[in-house]
Amino acid sequence: MTKLPVLFVSCDADSIRSREQTCSGPARMIWGKQYKSVVVISSRADQKAPEILQLKGHGGTAGRIKVLLSDQGFEPEVHSRDVSSRHQLFRVLLAEEPGELTELILNTGMSELEYRRVGRCLEVLREQDVLLICLDDKACHREADGISLHDRHLRELLNAWAQDQQWGAVMSFKGDAAGSAQNNRLDDPTVCLLNAAFTLGGSQFPQRMFSSGMNNAAQMLSGFGWMR
């Protein structure tokens, strides 16, 4: 069955939503793809536990996410919120806004293994007409500059994780971190989210990278795409 792409997008959502980019990198990656629902996954340092927000639509996807996460031992709460706070951002990221929008907010402070289990259990949604976007929202970070997506460190992390999978350095299932890394508690929202994106993308190095607005940090849009 055909899988929809997984996108990891880094930007300052509060700033970039004021600029229309109908031909942005994410929009070009999903051009021509058919999807009925979009799920945005974000991470916040001030979040206490995973939370599911139903932004638009009947809430069927929110219910599926809750079931999938509950099966892995998570206890997310589901709430409704108006989509207006994300509307302009979706215009930048998507070529076409679907009828259903959901956001999953992850807390920091969990282990690498837990973030990877989040991605692993939600990967099935890619086969159910759901587009998954991991939003590394710099506006939510404690430090405005944070970790840049163009920092070689992040690409090296992804490459190392992919090599671990290639050489069979796994513990209980595909996507687990090896050795003591399983228990490392992560406090950087970017790295937390990247672990989830990695397993959402099939535990492989992303096939695409994109960037725009490099001359203006507030308007920079960059990230990775797992296309298969």
Protein backbone atom coordinates (compact mmCIF):
# COMPACT_ATOMS: atom_id res chain seq x y z
CA MET A 1 0.00 0.00 0.00
CA THR A 2 1.23 3.49 -0.86
CA LYS A 3 2.45 5.58 2.06
CA LEU A 4 2.09 9.33 2.30
CA PRO A 5 5.29 11.29 3.04
CA VAL A 6 6.43 12.33 6.52
CA LEU A 7 7.76 15.89 6.81
CA PHE A 8 9.97 17.42 9.48
CA VAL A 9 9.60 21.20 9.23
CA SER A 10 11.60 23.74 11.22
CA CYS A 11 10.41 27.35 11.36
CA ASP A 12 9.19 30.13 13.61
CA ALA A 13 5.45 29.59 13.20
CA ASP A 14 4.51 32.96 14.68
CA SER A 15 6.63 34.79 12.09
CA ILE A 16 6.33 32.67 9.01
CA ARG A 17 2.56 32.53 9.04
CA SER A 18 2.51 36.18 7.94
CA ARG A 19 4.21 35.29 4.68
CA GLU A 20 2.40 33.28 2.02
CA GLN A 21 4.56 30.61 0.38
CA THR A 22 2.25 28.68 -1.88
CA CYS A 23 5.31 27.02 -3.45
CA SER A 24 7.16 26.24 -0.22
CA GLY A 25 9.37 23.15 0.09
CA PRO A 26 6.75 21.13 2.00
CA ALA A 27 4.00 22.11 -0.46
CA ARG A 28 6.14 20.98 -3.40
CA MET A 29 6.93 17.64 -1.73
CA ILE A 30 3.28 16.74 -1.33
CA TRP A 31 2.09 18.23 -4.61
CA GLY A 32 -0.28 15.74 -6.26
CA LYS A 33 -0.56 13.57 -3.14
CA GLN A 34 -4.09 12.75 -2.01
CA TYR A 35 -4.74 13.06 1.72
CA LYS A 36 -7.92 13.34 3.76
CA SER A 37 -6.42 14.33 7.09
CA VAL A 38 -3.31 16.12 8.35
CA VAL A 39 -1.65 15.53 11.73
CA VAL A 40 0.91 18.01 13.04
CA ILE A 41 3.23 16.67 15.75
CA SER A 42 5.00 19.26 17.88
CA SER A 43 7.01 19.27 21.11
CA ARG A 44 7.04 21.79 23.94
CA ALA A 45 9.29 22.08 26.97
CA ASP A 46 6.39 23.31 29.12
CA GLN A 47 4.12 20.40 28.17
CA LYS A 48 3.51 17.91 31.01
CA ALA A 49 2.21 14.96 28.97
CA PRO A 50 1.16 14.17 25.38
CA GLU A 51 -1.97 16.06 24.33
CA ILE A 52 -4.15 15.68 21.23
CA LEU A 53 -5.89 18.75 19.81
CA GLN A 54 -8.77 18.39 17.39
CA LEU A 55 -8.44 21.53 15.25
CA LYS A 56 -10.88 20.83 12.44
CA GLY A 57 -13.20 18.02 11.37
CA HIS A 58 -15.08 15.19 13.03
CA GLY A 59 -12.22 13.99 15.25
CA GLY A 60 -11.84 10.48 13.88
CA THR A 61 -8.08 10.83 13.50
CA ALA A 62 -7.73 12.21 17.03
CA GLY A 63 -9.51 9.10 18.30
CA ARG A 64 -7.23 6.79 16.32
CA ILE A 65 -4.13 8.54 17.66
CA LYS A 66 -5.39 8.18 21.22
CA VAL A 67 -5.95 4.44 20.76
CA LEU A 68 -2.54 3.90 19.13
CA LEU A 69 -0.69 5.83 21.86
CA SER A 70 -2.70 4.19 24.66
CA ASP A 71 -1.64 0.77 23.34
CA GLN A 72 1.97 1.90 23.92
CA GLY A 73 1.33 2.98 27.51
CA PHE A 74 0.82 6.70 26.91
CA GLU A 75 -2.18 8.51 28.37
CA PRO A 76 -2.93 11.45 26.06
CA GLU A 77 -5.88 13.74 26.65
CA VAL A 78 -8.01 14.93 23.74
CA HIS A 79 -9.22 18.53 23.51
CA SER A 80 -10.83 20.69 20.85
CA ARG A 81 -9.28 23.96 19.74
CA ASP A 82 -10.06 26.43 16.98
CA VAL A 83 -7.83 26.05 13.94
CA SER A 84 -7.40 29.81 13.49
CA SER A 85 -4.13 29.83 15.45
CA ARG A 86 -2.58 27.52 12.82
CA HIS A 87 -4.51 28.61 9.74
CA GLN A 88 -1.83 30.78 8.09
CA LEU A 89 0.86 28.23 8.91
CA PHE A 90 -1.12 25.51 7.13
CA ARG A 91 -1.38 27.80 4.11
CA VAL A 92 2.41 27.86 4.01
CA LEU A 93 2.94 24.14 4.55
CA LEU A 94 0.13 22.64 2.50
CA ALA A 95 -0.85 22.91 -1.12
CA GLU A 96 -4.44 22.25 -0.08
CA GLU A 97 -6.02 22.27 3.40
CA PRO A 98 -7.92 19.05 4.20
CA GLY A 99 -11.22 18.66 5.98
CA GLU A 100 -9.62 17.31 9.14
CA LEU A 101 -6.68 18.76 11.09
CA THR A 102 -5.22 17.38 14.31
CA GLU A 103 -2.22 18.33 16.43
CA LEU A 104 -0.32 16.03 18.79
CA ILE A 105 1.81 17.93 21.31
CA LEU A 106 4.60 15.92 22.93
CA ASN A 107 6.27 16.80 26.18
CA THR A 108 10.03 16.82 26.60
CA GLY A 109 11.76 14.68 29.22
CA MET A 110 10.93 11.24 27.84
CA SER A 111 13.53 8.75 26.67
CA GLU A 112 14.73 8.27 23.10
CA LEU A 113 12.96 4.93 23.07
CA GLU A 114 9.63 6.51 24.04
CA TYR A 115 9.79 9.13 21.29
CA ARG A 116 10.65 6.45 18.77
CA ARG A 117 7.72 4.36 19.94
CA VAL A 118 5.44 7.33 19.34
CA GLY A 119 6.60 7.52 15.73
CA ARG A 120 6.58 3.78 15.25
CA CYS A 121 3.00 3.30 16.43
CA LEU A 122 1.70 6.24 14.37
CA GLU A 123 3.46 5.16 11.16
CA VAL A 124 0.38 3.12 10.20
CA LEU A 125 -1.52 6.38 9.66
CA ARG A 126 0.58 7.00 6.54
CA GLU A 127 -1.34 4.16 4.88
CA GLN A 128 -4.71 5.62 5.92
CA ASP A 129 -4.69 8.87 3.88
CA VAL A 130 -3.14 10.83 6.77
CA LEU A 131 -0.29 13.27 6.12
CA LEU A 132 2.07 13.61 9.10
CA ILE A 133 4.08 16.78 9.67
CA CYS A 134 6.54 17.08 12.55
CA LEU A 135 6.64 20.80 13.32
CA ASP A 136 9.82 22.02 15.00
CA ASP A 137 8.34 25.35 16.04
CA LYS A 138 11.15 27.69 17.08
CA ALA A 139 8.59 30.08 18.59
CA CYS A 140 7.99 27.50 21.35
CA HIS A 141 11.66 27.06 22.22
CA ARG A 142 13.27 28.65 25.23
CA GLU A 143 16.08 30.01 23.08
CA ALA A 144 15.15 31.78 19.89
CA ASP A 145 18.10 30.40 17.94
CA GLY A 146 17.88 26.83 19.30
CA ILE A 147 19.37 24.05 17.17
CA SER A 148 19.42 24.91 13.49
CA LEU A 149 18.17 22.35 11.01
CA HIS A 150 21.20 23.28 8.94
CA ASP A 151 23.48 22.39 11.83
CA ARG A 152 25.45 19.38 10.63
CA HIS A 153 24.82 17.79 14.03
CA LEU A 154 21.21 16.92 13.18
CA ARG A 155 22.11 15.33 9.87
CA GLU A 156 24.84 13.38 11.62
CA LEU A 157 22.30 12.17 14.19
CA LEU A 158 19.97 10.92 11.48
CA ASN A 159 22.83 9.27 9.63
CA ALA A 160 24.04 7.51 12.78
CA TRP A 161 20.54 6.26 13.59
CA ALA A 162 20.09 4.98 10.04
CA GLN A 163 23.43 3.16 10.22
CA ASP A 164 22.37 1.57 13.50
CA GLN A 165 19.34 0.15 11.73
CA GLN A 166 21.38 -0.97 8.74
CA TRP A 167 23.82 -2.91 10.88
CA GLY A 168 21.13 -4.39 13.08
CA ALA A 169 21.98 -2.43 16.25
CA VAL A 170 18.43 -2.66 17.60
CA MET A 171 16.98 -3.92 20.85
CA SER A 172 13.36 -5.08 20.79
CA PHE A 173 12.01 -3.77 17.46
CA LYS A 174 12.92 -1.67 14.47
CA GLY A 175 13.51 1.92 15.48
CA ASP A 176 14.72 1.37 19.05
CA ALA A 177 17.80 3.23 20.18
CA ALA A 178 20.74 1.03 21.02
CA GLY A 179 22.31 0.45 24.42
CA SER A 180 22.05 3.00 27.21
CA ALA A 181 20.62 5.57 24.79
CA GLN A 182 17.24 3.96 25.38
CA ASN A 183 17.07 5.52 28.83
CA ASN A 184 18.51 8.94 28.01
CA ARG A 185 16.04 11.67 28.92
CA LEU A 186 15.78 14.30 26.21
CA ASP A 187 15.05 17.94 27.01
CA ASP A 188 15.60 19.57 23.61
CA PRO A 189 12.29 19.79 21.70
CA THR A 190 14.02 19.49 18.34
CA VAL A 191 15.81 16.23 19.17
CA CYS A 192 12.68 14.83 20.85
CA LEU A 193 10.68 15.46 17.71
CA LEU A 194 13.41 14.22 15.40
CA ASN A 195 13.38 10.82 17.13
CA ALA A 196 9.65 10.49 16.49
CA ALA A 197 10.03 11.64 12.88
CA PHE A 198 12.80 9.09 12.30
CA THR A 199 10.58 6.11 13.08
CA LEU A 200 7.57 7.68 11.36
CA GLY A 201 9.77 7.68 8.27
CA GLY A 202 10.62 3.99 8.56
CA SER A 203 13.87 4.36 10.53
CA GLN A 204 15.89 5.48 7.52
CA PHE A 205 17.72 8.59 6.42
CA PRO A 206 15.30 11.08 4.81
CA GLN A 207 15.20 11.12 1.02
CA ARG A 208 14.67 14.89 0.73
CA MET A 209 15.86 18.10 2.36
CA PHE A 210 14.57 21.62 1.73
CA SER A 211 15.21 25.21 2.82
CA SER A 212 14.11 28.73 2.01
CA GLY A 213 14.46 32.21 3.48
CA MET A 214 18.06 31.63 4.54
CA ASN A 215 18.77 35.38 4.56
CA ASN A 216 16.08 36.01 7.18
CA ALA A 217 16.10 33.83 10.30
CA ALA A 218 12.54 34.76 11.26
CA GLN A 219 11.26 33.61 7.85
CA MET A 220 13.47 30.54 7.43
CA LEU A 221 11.69 27.33 6.53
CA SER A 222 13.72 24.13 6.40
CA GLY A 223 13.47 20.44 7.02
CA PHE A 224 13.50 16.85 5.85
CA GLY A 225 11.12 14.60 3.96
CA TRP A 226 10.68 10.83 4.14
CA MET A 227 9.04 9.94 0.86
CA ARG A 228 8.79 6.15 1.19
